[in-house]
């Protein structure tokens, strides 16, 4: 199964859509590490179909040497 079709398993869970359904809550994923480790993790999450590379924020410095962070906000269905 290709990554693009796997992403379809998470319909309407993008971070740009405001929460309109009271049964949805935001979940924030925060990756912190070296630029290489964070980038590889983001790409791996795309390969397994969880989130597209473009869904993540740009790499942002943390203030620690050789360390960056990236965030992904998803709306998840609470039942």
PDB file of N, CA and C in Angstrom:
ATOM      1  N   UNK A   1       0.840  -1.176   0.000  1.00  0.00           N
ATOM      2  CA  UNK A   1       0.000   0.000   0.000  1.00  0.00           C
ATOM      3  C   UNK A   1       0.885   1.238   0.000  1.00  0.00           C
ATOM      4  N   UNK A   2       0.567   2.202  -0.811  1.00  0.00           N
ATOM      5  CA  UNK A   2       1.365   3.418  -0.916  1.00  0.00           C
ATOM      6  C   UNK A   2       1.042   4.375   0.222  1.00  0.00           C
ATOM      7  N   UNK A   3       1.995   5.235   0.562  1.00  0.00           N
ATOM      8  CA  UNK A   3       1.816   6.174   1.670  1.00  0.00           C
ATOM      9  C   UNK A   3       0.612   7.077   1.451  1.00  0.00           C
ATOM     10  N   UNK A   4       0.405   7.524   0.228  1.00  0.00           N
ATOM     11  CA  UNK A   4      -0.707   8.436  -0.029  1.00  0.00           C
ATOM     12  C   UNK A   4      -2.038   7.774   0.315  1.00  0.00           C
ATOM     13  N   UNK A   5      -2.217   6.513  -0.063  1.00  0.00           N
ATOM     14  CA  UNK A   5      -3.479   5.852   0.245  1.00  0.00           C
ATOM     15  C   UNK A   5      -3.605   5.574   1.732  1.00  0.00           C
ATOM     16  N   UNK A   6      -2.488   5.374   2.421  1.00  0.00           N
ATOM     17  CA  UNK A   6      -2.536   5.177   3.871  1.00  0.00           C
ATOM     18  C   UNK A   6      -2.991   6.451   4.566  1.00  0.00           C
ATOM     19  N   UNK A   7      -2.596   7.615   4.035  1.00  0.00           N
ATOM     20  CA  UNK A   7      -2.991   8.865   4.657  1.00  0.00           C
ATOM     21  C   UNK A   7      -4.497   9.059   4.635  1.00  0.00           C
ATOM     22  N   UNK A   8      -5.154   8.423   3.713  1.00  0.00           N
ATOM     23  CA  UNK A   8      -6.608   8.537   3.634  1.00  0.00           C
ATOM     24  C   UNK A   8      -7.292   7.873   4.831  1.00  0.00           C
ATOM     25  N   UNK A   9      -6.551   7.108   5.625  1.00  0.00           N
ATOM     26  CA  UNK A   9      -7.104   6.473   6.814  1.00  0.00           C
ATOM     27  C   UNK A   9      -7.430   7.507   7.888  1.00  0.00           C
ATOM     28  N   UNK A  10      -6.911   8.726   7.750  1.00  0.00           N
ATOM     29  CA  UNK A  10      -7.094   9.772   8.736  1.00  0.00           C
ATOM     30  C   UNK A  10      -7.852  10.947   8.131  1.00  0.00           C
ATOM     31  N   UNK A  11      -9.114  10.737   7.712  1.00  0.00           N
ATOM     32  CA  UNK A  11      -9.847  11.809   7.049  1.00  0.00           C
ATOM     33  C   UNK A  11     -10.171  12.959   7.996  1.00  0.00           C
ATOM     34  N   UNK A  12     -10.161  14.165   7.443  1.00  0.00           N
ATOM     35  CA  UNK A  12     -10.568  15.365   8.173  1.00  0.00           C
ATOM     36  C   UNK A  12      -9.789  15.586   9.453  1.00  0.00           C
ATOM     37  N   UNK A  13      -8.547  15.185   9.498  1.00  0.00           N
ATOM     38  CA  UNK A  13      -7.753  15.368  10.706  1.00  0.00           C
ATOM     39  C   UNK A  13      -6.606  16.331  10.463  1.00  0.00           C
ATOM     40  N   UNK A  14      -6.810  17.353   9.640  1.00  0.00           N
ATOM     41  CA  UNK A  14      -5.708  18.276   9.420  1.00  0.00           C
ATOM     42  C   UNK A  14      -5.743  19.396  10.458  1.00  0.00           C
ATOM     43  N   UNK A  15      -4.595  20.032  10.621  1.00  0.00           N
ATOM     44  CA  UNK A  15      -4.464  21.034  11.667  1.00  0.00           C
ATOM     45  C   UNK A  15      -5.037  22.386  11.257  1.00  0.00           C
ATOM     46  N   UNK A  16      -5.426  22.561  10.005  1.00  0.00           N
ATOM     47  CA  UNK A  16      -5.916  23.854   9.557  1.00  0.00           C
ATOM     48  C   UNK A  16      -7.429  23.986   9.691  1.00  0.00           C
ATOM     49  N   UNK A  17      -8.126  22.882   9.909  1.00  0.00           N
ATOM     50  CA  UNK A  17      -9.571  22.918  10.035  1.00  0.00           C
ATOM     51  C   UNK A  17      -9.948  23.179  11.489  1.00  0.00           C
ATOM     52  N   UNK A  18     -10.713  24.224  11.766  1.00  0.00           N
ATOM     53  CA  UNK A  18     -11.103  24.472  13.156  1.00  0.00           C
ATOM     54  C   UNK A  18     -11.954  23.332  13.690  1.00  0.00           C
ATOM     55  N   UNK A  19     -11.902  23.145  14.986  1.00  0.00           N
ATOM     56  CA  UNK A  19     -12.701  22.099  15.607  1.00  0.00           C
ATOM     57  C   UNK A  19     -14.161  22.518  15.573  1.00  0.00           C
ATOM     58  N   UNK A  20     -14.964  21.802  14.791  1.00  0.00           N
ATOM     59  CA  UNK A  20     -16.391  22.097  14.684  1.00  0.00           C
ATOM     60  C   UNK A  20     -17.210  21.026  15.380  1.00  0.00           C
ATOM     61  N   UNK A  21     -16.636  19.879  15.555  1.00  0.00           N
ATOM     62  CA  UNK A  21     -17.318  18.751  16.161  1.00  0.00           C
ATOM     63  C   UNK A  21     -16.899  18.678  17.628  1.00  0.00           C
ATOM     64  N   UNK A  22     -17.854  18.722  18.558  1.00  0.00           N
ATOM     65  CA  UNK A  22     -17.481  18.683  19.973  1.00  0.00           C
ATOM     66  C   UNK A  22     -16.814  17.361  20.372  1.00  0.00           C
ATOM     67  N   UNK A  23     -16.842  16.375  19.494  1.00  0.00           N
ATOM     68  CA  UNK A  23     -16.236  15.086  19.793  1.00  0.00           C
ATOM     69  C   UNK A  23     -14.799  14.997  19.276  1.00  0.00           C
ATOM     70  N   UNK A  24     -14.258  16.111  18.809  1.00  0.00           N
ATOM     71  CA  UNK A  24     -12.869  16.139  18.323  1.00  0.00           C
ATOM     72  C   UNK A  24     -12.021  16.998  19.257  1.00  0.00           C
ATOM     73  N   UNK A  25     -10.799  16.558  19.457  1.00  0.00           N
ATOM     74  CA  UNK A  25      -9.861  17.314  20.281  1.00  0.00           C
ATOM     75  C   UNK A  25      -8.512  17.369  19.586  1.00  0.00           C
ATOM     76  N   UNK A  26      -7.798  18.487  19.773  1.00  0.00           N
ATOM     77  CA  UNK A  26      -6.469  18.563  19.162  1.00  0.00           C
ATOM     78  C   UNK A  26      -5.452  17.744  19.952  1.00  0.00           C
ATOM     79  N   UNK A  27      -4.538  17.126  19.222  1.00  0.00           N
ATOM     80  CA  UNK A  27      -3.396  16.432  19.807  1.00  0.00           C
ATOM     81  C   UNK A  27      -2.160  17.019  19.151  1.00  0.00           C
ATOM     82  N   UNK A  28      -1.203  17.427  19.956  1.00  0.00           N
ATOM     83  CA  UNK A  28       0.020  18.040  19.436  1.00  0.00           C
ATOM     84  C   UNK A  28       1.169  17.038  19.542  1.00  0.00           C
ATOM     85  N   UNK A  29       1.809  16.794  18.413  1.00  0.00           N
ATOM     86  CA  UNK A  29       2.977  15.926  18.352  1.00  0.00           C
ATOM     87  C   UNK A  29       4.192  16.842  18.245  1.00  0.00           C
ATOM     88  N   UNK A  30       5.147  16.680  19.122  1.00  0.00           N
ATOM     89  CA  UNK A  30       6.338  17.514  19.119  1.00  0.00           C
ATOM     90  C   UNK A  30       7.566  16.624  18.979  1.00  0.00           C
ATOM     91  N   UNK A  31       8.350  16.878  17.940  1.00  0.00           N
ATOM     92  CA  UNK A  31       9.600  16.163  17.727  1.00  0.00           C
ATOM     93  C   UNK A  31      10.741  17.107  18.064  1.00  0.00           C
ATOM     94  N   UNK A  32      11.681  16.644  18.879  1.00  0.00           N
ATOM     95  CA  UNK A  32      12.852  17.427  19.249  1.00  0.00           C
ATOM     96  C   UNK A  32      14.069  16.541  19.077  1.00  0.00           C
ATOM     97  N   UNK A  33      15.075  17.059  18.385  1.00  0.00           N
ATOM     98  CA  UNK A  33      16.302  16.307  18.188  1.00  0.00           C
ATOM     99  C   UNK A  33      17.180  16.996  17.168  1.00  0.00           C
ATOM    100  N   UNK A  34      18.160  16.263  16.682  1.00  0.00           N
ATOM    101  CA  UNK A  34      19.026  16.825  15.643  1.00  0.00           C
ATOM    102  C   UNK A  34      18.187  17.032  14.380  1.00  0.00           C
ATOM    103  N   UNK A  35      18.591  17.942  13.515  1.00  0.00           N
ATOM    104  CA  UNK A  35      17.842  18.128  12.269  1.00  0.00           C
ATOM    105  C   UNK A  35      17.686  16.827  11.488  1.00  0.00           C
ATOM    106  N   UNK A  36      18.718  16.010  11.463  1.00  0.00           N
ATOM    107  CA  UNK A  36      18.666  14.744  10.736  1.00  0.00           C
ATOM    108  C   UNK A  36      17.645  13.785  11.357  1.00  0.00           C
ATOM    109  N   UNK A  37      17.650  13.677  12.684  1.00  0.00           N
ATOM    110  CA  UNK A  37      16.732  12.754  13.362  1.00  0.00           C
ATOM    111  C   UNK A  37      15.277  13.194  13.214  1.00  0.00           C
ATOM    112  N   UNK A  38      15.034  14.475  13.349  1.00  0.00           N
ATOM    113  CA  UNK A  38      13.663  14.990  13.223  1.00  0.00           C
ATOM    114  C   UNK A  38      13.163  14.807  11.793  1.00  0.00           C
ATOM    115  N   UNK A  39      13.999  15.144  10.827  1.00  0.00           N
ATOM    116  CA  UNK A  39      13.609  14.987   9.419  1.00  0.00           C
ATOM    117  C   UNK A  39      13.343  13.527   9.084  1.00  0.00           C
ATOM    118  N   UNK A  40      14.196  12.630   9.524  1.00  0.00           N
ATOM    119  CA  UNK A  40      13.978  11.201   9.256  1.00  0.00           C
ATOM    120  C   UNK A  40      12.687  10.703   9.895  1.00  0.00           C
ATOM    121  N   UNK A  41      12.394  11.156  11.099  1.00  0.00           N
ATOM    122  CA  UNK A  41      11.161  10.736  11.773  1.00  0.00           C
ATOM    123  C   UNK A  41       9.933  11.237  11.014  1.00  0.00           C
ATOM    124  N   UNK A  42       9.971  12.488  10.570  1.00  0.00           N
ATOM    125  CA  UNK A  42       8.855  13.046   9.797  1.00  0.00           C
ATOM    126  C   UNK A  42       8.646  12.230   8.523  1.00  0.00           C
ATOM    127  N   UNK A  43       9.723  11.905   7.836  1.00  0.00           N
ATOM    128  CA  UNK A  43       9.594  11.114   6.611  1.00  0.00           C
ATOM    129  C   UNK A  43       9.095   9.703   6.914  1.00  0.00           C
ATOM    130  N   UNK A  44       9.539   9.108   7.997  1.00  0.00           N
ATOM    131  CA  UNK A  44       9.078   7.762   8.362  1.00  0.00           C
ATOM    132  C   UNK A  44       7.580   7.776   8.677  1.00  0.00           C
ATOM    133  N   UNK A  45       7.110   8.799   9.357  1.00  0.00           N
ATOM    134  CA  UNK A  45       5.680   8.894   9.659  1.00  0.00           C
ATOM    135  C   UNK A  45       4.858   9.057   8.383  1.00  0.00           C
ATOM    136  N   UNK A  46       5.433   9.668   7.352  1.00  0.00           N
ATOM    137  CA  UNK A  46       4.734   9.729   6.069  1.00  0.00           C
ATOM    138  C   UNK A  46       4.699   8.350   5.423  1.00  0.00           C
ATOM    139  N   UNK A  47       5.813   7.641   5.454  1.00  0.00           N
ATOM    140  CA  UNK A  47       5.890   6.311   4.827  1.00  0.00           C
ATOM    141  C   UNK A  47       4.865   5.359   5.437  1.00  0.00           C
ATOM    142  N   UNK A  48       4.679   5.435   6.758  1.00  0.00           N
ATOM    143  CA  UNK A  48       3.715   4.519   7.395  1.00  0.00           C
ATOM    144  C   UNK A  48       2.284   5.040   7.309  1.00  0.00           C
ATOM    145  N   UNK A  49       2.118   6.239   6.728  1.00  0.00           N
ATOM    146  CA  UNK A  49       0.784   6.744   6.460  1.00  0.00           C
ATOM    147  C   UNK A  49       0.160   7.567   7.559  1.00  0.00           C
ATOM    148  N   UNK A  50       0.953   8.076   8.496  1.00  0.00           N
ATOM    149  CA  UNK A  50       0.360   8.856   9.588  1.00  0.00           C
ATOM    150  C   UNK A  50       0.180  10.322   9.241  1.00  0.00           C
ATOM    151  N   UNK A  51       1.185  10.939   8.653  1.00  0.00           N
ATOM    152  CA  UNK A  51       1.088  12.371   8.339  1.00  0.00           C
ATOM    153  C   UNK A  51       2.013  12.698   7.177  1.00  0.00           C
ATOM    154  N   UNK A  52       1.582  13.606   6.331  1.00  0.00           N
ATOM    155  CA  UNK A  52       2.410  14.064   5.221  1.00  0.00           C
ATOM    156  C   UNK A  52       3.524  14.961   5.743  1.00  0.00           C
ATOM    157  N   UNK A  53       4.612  14.986   5.028  1.00  0.00           N
ATOM    158  CA  UNK A  53       5.735  15.843   5.396  1.00  0.00           C
ATOM    159  C   UNK A  53       5.268  17.295   5.531  1.00  0.00           C
ATOM    160  N   UNK A  54       4.407  17.744   4.628  1.00  0.00           N
ATOM    161  CA  UNK A  54       3.932  19.120   4.645  1.00  0.00           C
ATOM    162  C   UNK A  54       3.009  19.463   5.792  1.00  0.00           C
ATOM    163  N   UNK A  55       2.555  18.473   6.551  1.00  0.00           N
ATOM    164  CA  UNK A  55       1.686  18.736   7.699  1.00  0.00           C
ATOM    165  C   UNK A  55       2.460  19.266   8.908  1.00  0.00           C
ATOM    166  N   UNK A  56       3.769  19.048   8.931  1.00  0.00           N
ATOM    167  CA  UNK A  56       4.620  19.448  10.053  1.00  0.00           C
ATOM    168  C   UNK A  56       5.065  20.892   9.906  1.00  0.00           C
ATOM    169  N   UNK A  57       5.333  21.538  11.018  1.00  0.00           N
ATOM    170  CA  UNK A  57       5.893  22.887  10.976  1.00  0.00           C
ATOM    171  C   UNK A  57       7.318  22.822  10.436  1.00  0.00           C
ATOM    172  N   UNK A  58       7.841  23.945   9.968  1.00  0.00           N
ATOM    173  CA  UNK A  58       9.259  23.965   9.587  1.00  0.00           C
ATOM    174  C   UNK A  58      10.119  23.641  10.810  1.00  0.00           C
ATOM    175  N   UNK A  59      11.337  23.191  10.568  1.00  0.00           N
ATOM    176  CA  UNK A  59      12.258  22.929  11.673  1.00  0.00           C
ATOM    177  C   UNK A  59      12.606  24.255  12.341  1.00  0.00           C
ATOM    178  N   UNK A  60      12.440  24.297  13.648  1.00  0.00           N
ATOM    179  CA  UNK A  60      12.687  25.512  14.424  1.00  0.00           C
ATOM    180  C   UNK A  60      13.788  25.249  15.440  1.00  0.00           C
ATOM    181  N   UNK A  61      14.715  26.187  15.632  1.00  0.00           N
ATOM    182  CA  UNK A  61      15.770  25.972  16.628  1.00  0.00           C
ATOM    183  C   UNK A  61      15.188  25.957  18.041  1.00  0.00           C
ATOM    184  N   UNK A  62      15.793  25.148  18.911  1.00  0.00           N
ATOM    185  CA  UNK A  62      15.318  25.057  20.300  1.00  0.00           C
ATOM    186  C   UNK A  62      16.106  25.948  21.243  1.00  0.00           C
ATOM    187  N   UNK A  63      17.241  26.435  20.802  1.00  0.00           N
ATOM    188  CA  UNK A  63      18.125  27.176  21.690  1.00  0.00           C
ATOM    189  C   UNK A  63      19.303  26.328  22.137  1.00  0.00           C
ATOM    190  N   UNK A  64      19.207  25.019  21.955  1.00  0.00           N
ATOM    191  CA  UNK A  64      20.315  24.116  22.243  1.00  0.00           C
ATOM    192  C   UNK A  64      21.100  23.876  20.959  1.00  0.00           C
ATOM    193  N   UNK A  65      22.411  23.727  21.068  1.00  0.00           N
ATOM    194  CA  UNK A  65      23.216  23.505  19.861  1.00  0.00           C
ATOM    195  C   UNK A  65      22.785  22.247  19.110  1.00  0.00           C
ATOM    196  N   UNK A  66      22.711  22.350  17.791  1.00  0.00           N
ATOM    197  CA  UNK A  66      22.378  21.215  16.915  1.00  0.00           C
ATOM    198  C   UNK A  66      21.060  20.540  17.279  1.00  0.00           C
ATOM    199  N   UNK A  67      20.089  21.321  17.775  1.00  0.00           N
ATOM    200  CA  UNK A  67      18.786  20.752  18.134  1.00  0.00           C
ATOM    201  C   UNK A  67      17.686  21.609  17.517  1.00  0.00           C
ATOM    202  N   UNK A  68      16.688  20.932  16.941  1.00  0.00           N
ATOM    203  CA  UNK A  68      15.534  21.603  16.350  1.00  0.00           C
ATOM    204  C   UNK A  68      14.257  20.928  16.841  1.00  0.00           C
ATOM    205  N   UNK A  69      13.134  21.553  16.519  1.00  0.00           N
ATOM    206  CA  UNK A  69      11.844  20.945  16.841  1.00  0.00           C
ATOM    207  C   UNK A  69      10.885  21.174  15.690  1.00  0.00           C
ATOM    208  N   UNK A  70       9.878  20.321  15.627  1.00  0.00           N
ATOM    209  CA  UNK A  70       8.806  20.461  14.651  1.00  0.00           C
ATOM    210  C   UNK A  70       7.530  19.977  15.323  1.00  0.00           C
ATOM    211  N   UNK A  71       6.411  20.596  14.988  1.00  0.00           N
ATOM    212  CA  UNK A  71       5.140  20.242  15.622  1.00  0.00           C
ATOM    213  C   UNK A  71       4.098  19.891  14.568  1.00  0.00           C
ATOM    214  N   UNK A  72       3.254  18.943  14.931  1.00  0.00           N
ATOM    215  CA  UNK A  72       2.111  18.555  14.120  1.00  0.00           C
ATOM    216  C   UNK A  72       0.894  18.579  15.032  1.00  0.00           C
ATOM    217  N   UNK A  73      -0.155  19.245  14.607  1.00  0.00           N
ATOM    218  CA  UNK A  73      -1.400  19.275  15.377  1.00  0.00           C
ATOM    219  C   UNK A  73      -2.457  18.545  14.581  1.00  0.00           C
ATOM    220  N   UNK A  74      -3.047  17.532  15.195  1.00  0.00           N
ATOM    221  CA  UNK A  74      -4.108  16.740  14.534  1.00  0.00           C
ATOM    222  C   UNK A  74      -5.378  16.856  15.374  1.00  0.00           C
ATOM    223  N   UNK A  75      -6.499  16.830  14.689  1.00  0.00           N
ATOM    224  CA  UNK A  75      -7.796  16.759  15.364  1.00  0.00           C
ATOM    225  C   UNK A  75      -8.195  15.279  15.386  1.00  0.00           C
ATOM    226  N   UNK A  76      -8.372  14.734  16.573  1.00  0.00           N
ATOM    227  CA  UNK A  76      -8.744  13.329  16.654  1.00  0.00           C
ATOM    228  C   UNK A  76     -10.170  13.186  17.161  1.00  0.00           C
ATOM    229  N   UNK A  77     -10.819  12.159  16.715  1.00  0.00           N
ATOM    230  CA  UNK A  77     -12.197  11.892  17.103  1.00  0.00           C
ATOM    231  C   UNK A  77     -12.212  11.216  18.472  1.00  0.00           C
ATOM    232  N   UNK A  78     -12.948  11.798  19.400  1.00  0.00           N
ATOM    233  CA  UNK A  78     -13.094  11.240  20.741  1.00  0.00           C
ATOM    234  C   UNK A  78     -14.470  10.596  20.834  1.00  0.00           C
ATOM    235  N   UNK A  79     -14.493   9.331  21.133  1.00  0.00           N
ATOM    236  CA  UNK A  79     -15.787   8.634  21.240  1.00  0.00           C
ATOM    237  C   UNK A  79     -15.973   8.039  22.598  1.00  0.00           C
TER     238      UNK A  79
END
